Amino acid sequence: MHGWSLDVNNYHQRARNYFDHNNIGNSNVFFPLTVDGARFYGWEVAVRSPRLFRRGEVYLAYSYAHALGAAPYPEV
C-alpha cells in the first residue's frame, strides 16, 4: 500500500459554561444557549490515496461524534 495514508483519531473533551446556539423552527434565526457542563467524544477515520493516473487523489473521511450537556442547577 505504498503512498496511501490512514489517519485515526479518538477524542474526548469536557467544557464548563459552554456557549451554543439552536435554530428556531426551520429558519436562519438562532437562539443562544449556555450549557453549565458539556462533554464531547467521538472518533474519526481518514484515508488518502497517492496520485492516481496522474490526475488526482481519492480522499475518504468518516466521523462519529456524540455530545452531552448538563443544565445549571436551580438556586434554592
N, C-alpha and C. Protein backbone atom coordinates (compact mmCIF):
# COMPACT_ATOMS: atom_id res chain seq x y z
N MET A 1 0.84 -1.19 0.00
CA MET A 1 0.00 0.00 0.00
C MET A 1 0.88 1.25 0.00
N HIS A 2 1.83 1.28 -0.89
CA HIS A 2 2.78 2.39 -0.98
C HIS A 2 2.07 3.70 -1.34
N GLY A 3 2.27 4.72 -0.54
CA GLY A 3 1.73 6.03 -0.82
C GLY A 3 0.37 6.32 -0.20
N TRP A 4 -0.29 5.32 0.32
CA TRP A 4 -1.60 5.52 0.95
C TRP A 4 -1.39 6.03 2.38
N SER A 5 -2.37 6.79 2.86
CA SER A 5 -2.30 7.35 4.21
C SER A 5 -3.58 7.01 4.97
N LEU A 6 -3.44 6.57 6.20
CA LEU A 6 -4.57 6.25 7.07
C LEU A 6 -4.40 7.01 8.38
N ASP A 7 -5.39 7.83 8.73
CA ASP A 7 -5.37 8.60 9.97
C ASP A 7 -6.57 8.20 10.81
N VAL A 8 -6.34 7.88 12.08
CA VAL A 8 -7.40 7.52 13.02
C VAL A 8 -7.25 8.42 14.23
N ASN A 9 -8.37 8.98 14.70
CA ASN A 9 -8.34 9.90 15.83
C ASN A 9 -9.49 9.57 16.77
N ASN A 10 -9.20 9.53 18.05
CA ASN A 10 -10.21 9.33 19.09
C ASN A 10 -10.09 10.51 20.04
N TYR A 11 -11.22 11.16 20.37
CA TYR A 11 -11.14 12.35 21.22
C TYR A 11 -12.22 12.35 22.29
N HIS A 12 -11.93 13.07 23.36
CA HIS A 12 -12.84 13.24 24.49
C HIS A 12 -12.56 14.63 25.06
N GLN A 13 -13.59 15.46 25.14
CA GLN A 13 -13.40 16.83 25.60
C GLN A 13 -14.50 17.19 26.58
N ARG A 14 -14.14 17.91 27.63
CA ARG A 14 -15.11 18.43 28.60
C ARG A 14 -15.03 19.95 28.61
N ALA A 15 -16.18 20.59 28.85
CA ALA A 15 -16.22 22.05 28.87
C ALA A 15 -17.17 22.52 29.97
N ARG A 16 -16.88 23.67 30.56
CA ARG A 16 -17.75 24.30 31.55
C ARG A 16 -18.24 25.62 30.96
N ASN A 17 -19.49 25.98 31.27
CA ASN A 17 -20.09 27.21 30.75
C ASN A 17 -19.96 27.28 29.23
N TYR A 18 -20.37 26.23 28.57
CA TYR A 18 -20.26 26.11 27.12
C TYR A 18 -21.37 26.93 26.45
N PHE A 19 -21.02 27.70 25.43
CA PHE A 19 -21.98 28.53 24.71
C PHE A 19 -22.29 27.86 23.38
N ASP A 20 -23.58 27.69 23.08
CA ASP A 20 -24.02 27.06 21.83
C ASP A 20 -25.22 27.82 21.30
N HIS A 21 -25.79 27.38 20.21
CA HIS A 21 -26.97 28.01 19.64
C HIS A 21 -27.89 26.94 19.04
N ASN A 22 -29.15 27.31 18.89
CA ASN A 22 -30.16 26.42 18.33
C ASN A 22 -31.05 27.24 17.40
N ASN A 23 -31.33 26.71 16.21
CA ASN A 23 -32.17 27.48 15.30
C ASN A 23 -33.64 27.34 15.70
N ILE A 24 -34.43 28.38 15.39
CA ILE A 24 -35.84 28.41 15.73
C ILE A 24 -36.62 27.91 14.52
N GLY A 25 -37.26 26.76 14.69
CA GLY A 25 -38.02 26.16 13.59
C GLY A 25 -37.11 25.82 12.43
N ASN A 26 -37.57 26.11 11.22
CA ASN A 26 -36.79 25.87 10.01
C ASN A 26 -36.34 27.21 9.43
N SER A 27 -35.69 28.02 10.26
CA SER A 27 -35.28 29.36 9.83
C SER A 27 -33.80 29.57 10.07
N ASN A 28 -33.32 30.73 9.70
CA ASN A 28 -31.93 31.10 9.94
C ASN A 28 -31.79 31.97 11.19
N VAL A 29 -32.80 31.98 12.04
CA VAL A 29 -32.76 32.72 13.28
C VAL A 29 -32.30 31.77 14.38
N PHE A 30 -31.30 32.18 15.15
CA PHE A 30 -30.73 31.32 16.18
C PHE A 30 -30.99 31.87 17.57
N PHE A 31 -31.18 30.96 18.51
CA PHE A 31 -31.40 31.28 19.92
C PHE A 31 -30.16 30.87 20.69
N PRO A 32 -29.49 31.79 21.40
CA PRO A 32 -28.27 31.43 22.13
C PRO A 32 -28.58 30.57 23.36
N LEU A 33 -27.73 29.60 23.62
CA LEU A 33 -27.88 28.71 24.78
C LEU A 33 -26.56 28.68 25.55
N THR A 34 -26.64 28.68 26.86
CA THR A 34 -25.47 28.48 27.70
C THR A 34 -25.67 27.20 28.49
N VAL A 35 -24.72 26.29 28.35
CA VAL A 35 -24.81 24.98 28.99
C VAL A 35 -23.80 24.95 30.13
N ASP A 36 -24.23 24.52 31.33
CA ASP A 36 -23.36 24.50 32.51
C ASP A 36 -22.16 23.58 32.30
N GLY A 37 -22.40 22.39 31.82
CA GLY A 37 -21.32 21.44 31.57
C GLY A 37 -21.59 20.69 30.28
N ALA A 38 -20.55 20.42 29.50
CA ALA A 38 -20.70 19.70 28.25
C ALA A 38 -19.58 18.67 28.12
N ARG A 39 -19.90 17.58 27.42
CA ARG A 39 -18.91 16.52 27.17
C ARG A 39 -19.06 16.08 25.73
N PHE A 40 -17.97 16.06 24.99
CA PHE A 40 -17.95 15.65 23.59
C PHE A 40 -17.00 14.48 23.44
N TYR A 41 -17.40 13.49 22.68
CA TYR A 41 -16.48 12.40 22.39
C TYR A 41 -16.83 11.78 21.05
N GLY A 42 -15.85 11.15 20.45
CA GLY A 42 -16.06 10.52 19.17
C GLY A 42 -14.76 10.04 18.57
N TRP A 43 -14.84 9.63 17.31
CA TRP A 43 -13.65 9.18 16.59
C TRP A 43 -13.78 9.55 15.12
N GLU A 44 -12.64 9.62 14.46
CA GLU A 44 -12.56 9.99 13.05
C GLU A 44 -11.59 9.06 12.34
N VAL A 45 -11.89 8.77 11.08
CA VAL A 45 -11.00 7.96 10.23
C VAL A 45 -10.90 8.66 8.88
N ALA A 46 -9.69 8.77 8.36
CA ALA A 46 -9.47 9.37 7.04
C ALA A 46 -8.48 8.51 6.25
N VAL A 47 -8.79 8.29 4.97
CA VAL A 47 -7.92 7.52 4.07
C VAL A 47 -7.64 8.40 2.86
N ARG A 48 -6.36 8.53 2.50
CA ARG A 48 -5.96 9.32 1.33
C ARG A 48 -5.08 8.45 0.44
N SER A 49 -5.38 8.48 -0.85
CA SER A 49 -4.62 7.69 -1.81
C SER A 49 -3.46 8.51 -2.36
N PRO A 50 -2.50 7.84 -2.98
CA PRO A 50 -1.47 8.58 -3.71
C PRO A 50 -2.09 9.13 -5.01
N ARG A 51 -1.36 9.89 -5.75
CA ARG A 51 -1.85 10.43 -7.02
C ARG A 51 -2.13 9.27 -7.98
N LEU A 52 -3.35 9.22 -8.52
CA LEU A 52 -3.77 8.12 -9.39
C LEU A 52 -3.85 8.57 -10.84
N PHE A 53 -3.26 7.81 -11.73
CA PHE A 53 -3.31 8.05 -13.17
C PHE A 53 -2.89 9.48 -13.54
N ARG A 54 -2.01 10.05 -12.75
CA ARG A 54 -1.50 11.42 -12.95
C ARG A 54 -2.63 12.45 -13.03
N ARG A 55 -3.75 12.15 -12.39
CA ARG A 55 -4.91 13.03 -12.45
C ARG A 55 -5.28 13.63 -11.09
N GLY A 56 -5.40 12.80 -10.08
CA GLY A 56 -5.86 13.31 -8.79
C GLY A 56 -5.74 12.27 -7.70
N GLU A 57 -6.29 12.59 -6.57
CA GLU A 57 -6.25 11.72 -5.40
C GLU A 57 -7.67 11.36 -4.98
N VAL A 58 -7.78 10.30 -4.23
CA VAL A 58 -9.05 9.91 -3.61
C VAL A 58 -8.90 10.13 -2.12
N TYR A 59 -9.89 10.79 -1.51
CA TYR A 59 -9.85 11.09 -0.09
C TYR A 59 -11.19 10.72 0.51
N LEU A 60 -11.18 9.91 1.55
CA LEU A 60 -12.40 9.49 2.22
C LEU A 60 -12.25 9.77 3.71
N ALA A 61 -13.26 10.42 4.30
CA ALA A 61 -13.23 10.74 5.73
C ALA A 61 -14.57 10.36 6.35
N TYR A 62 -14.51 9.81 7.56
CA TYR A 62 -15.71 9.46 8.30
C TYR A 62 -15.52 9.90 9.74
N SER A 63 -16.59 10.43 10.34
CA SER A 63 -16.51 10.90 11.72
C SER A 63 -17.78 10.50 12.46
N TYR A 64 -17.61 10.07 13.69
CA TYR A 64 -18.73 9.79 14.58
C TYR A 64 -18.51 10.63 15.83
N ALA A 65 -19.50 11.45 16.19
CA ALA A 65 -19.36 12.32 17.35
C ALA A 65 -20.63 12.27 18.18
N HIS A 66 -20.47 12.49 19.48
CA HIS A 66 -21.60 12.48 20.41
C HIS A 66 -21.37 13.62 21.41
N ALA A 67 -22.44 14.32 21.75
CA ALA A 67 -22.33 15.43 22.70
C ALA A 67 -23.39 15.28 23.79
N LEU A 68 -23.00 15.56 25.02
CA LEU A 68 -23.90 15.54 26.17
C LEU A 68 -23.80 16.88 26.88
N GLY A 69 -24.92 17.37 27.39
CA GLY A 69 -24.91 18.64 28.11
C GLY A 69 -25.66 18.53 29.42
N ALA A 70 -25.30 19.38 30.37
CA ALA A 70 -25.95 19.42 31.67
C ALA A 70 -26.45 20.83 31.94
N ALA A 71 -27.72 20.94 32.31
CA ALA A 71 -28.30 22.24 32.62
C ALA A 71 -27.83 22.71 33.98
N PRO A 72 -27.83 24.01 34.21
CA PRO A 72 -27.43 24.50 35.53
C PRO A 72 -28.46 24.12 36.60
N TYR A 73 -27.99 23.91 37.81
CA TYR A 73 -28.87 23.58 38.91
C TYR A 73 -29.61 24.83 39.37
N PRO A 74 -30.89 24.72 39.67
CA PRO A 74 -31.61 25.91 40.17
C PRO A 74 -31.13 26.26 41.57
N GLU A 75 -31.06 27.56 41.82
CA GLU A 75 -30.62 28.00 43.15
C GLU A 75 -31.79 27.91 44.12
N VAL A 76 -31.51 27.49 45.32
CA VAL A 76 -32.56 27.31 46.34
C VAL A 76 -32.51 28.45 47.31
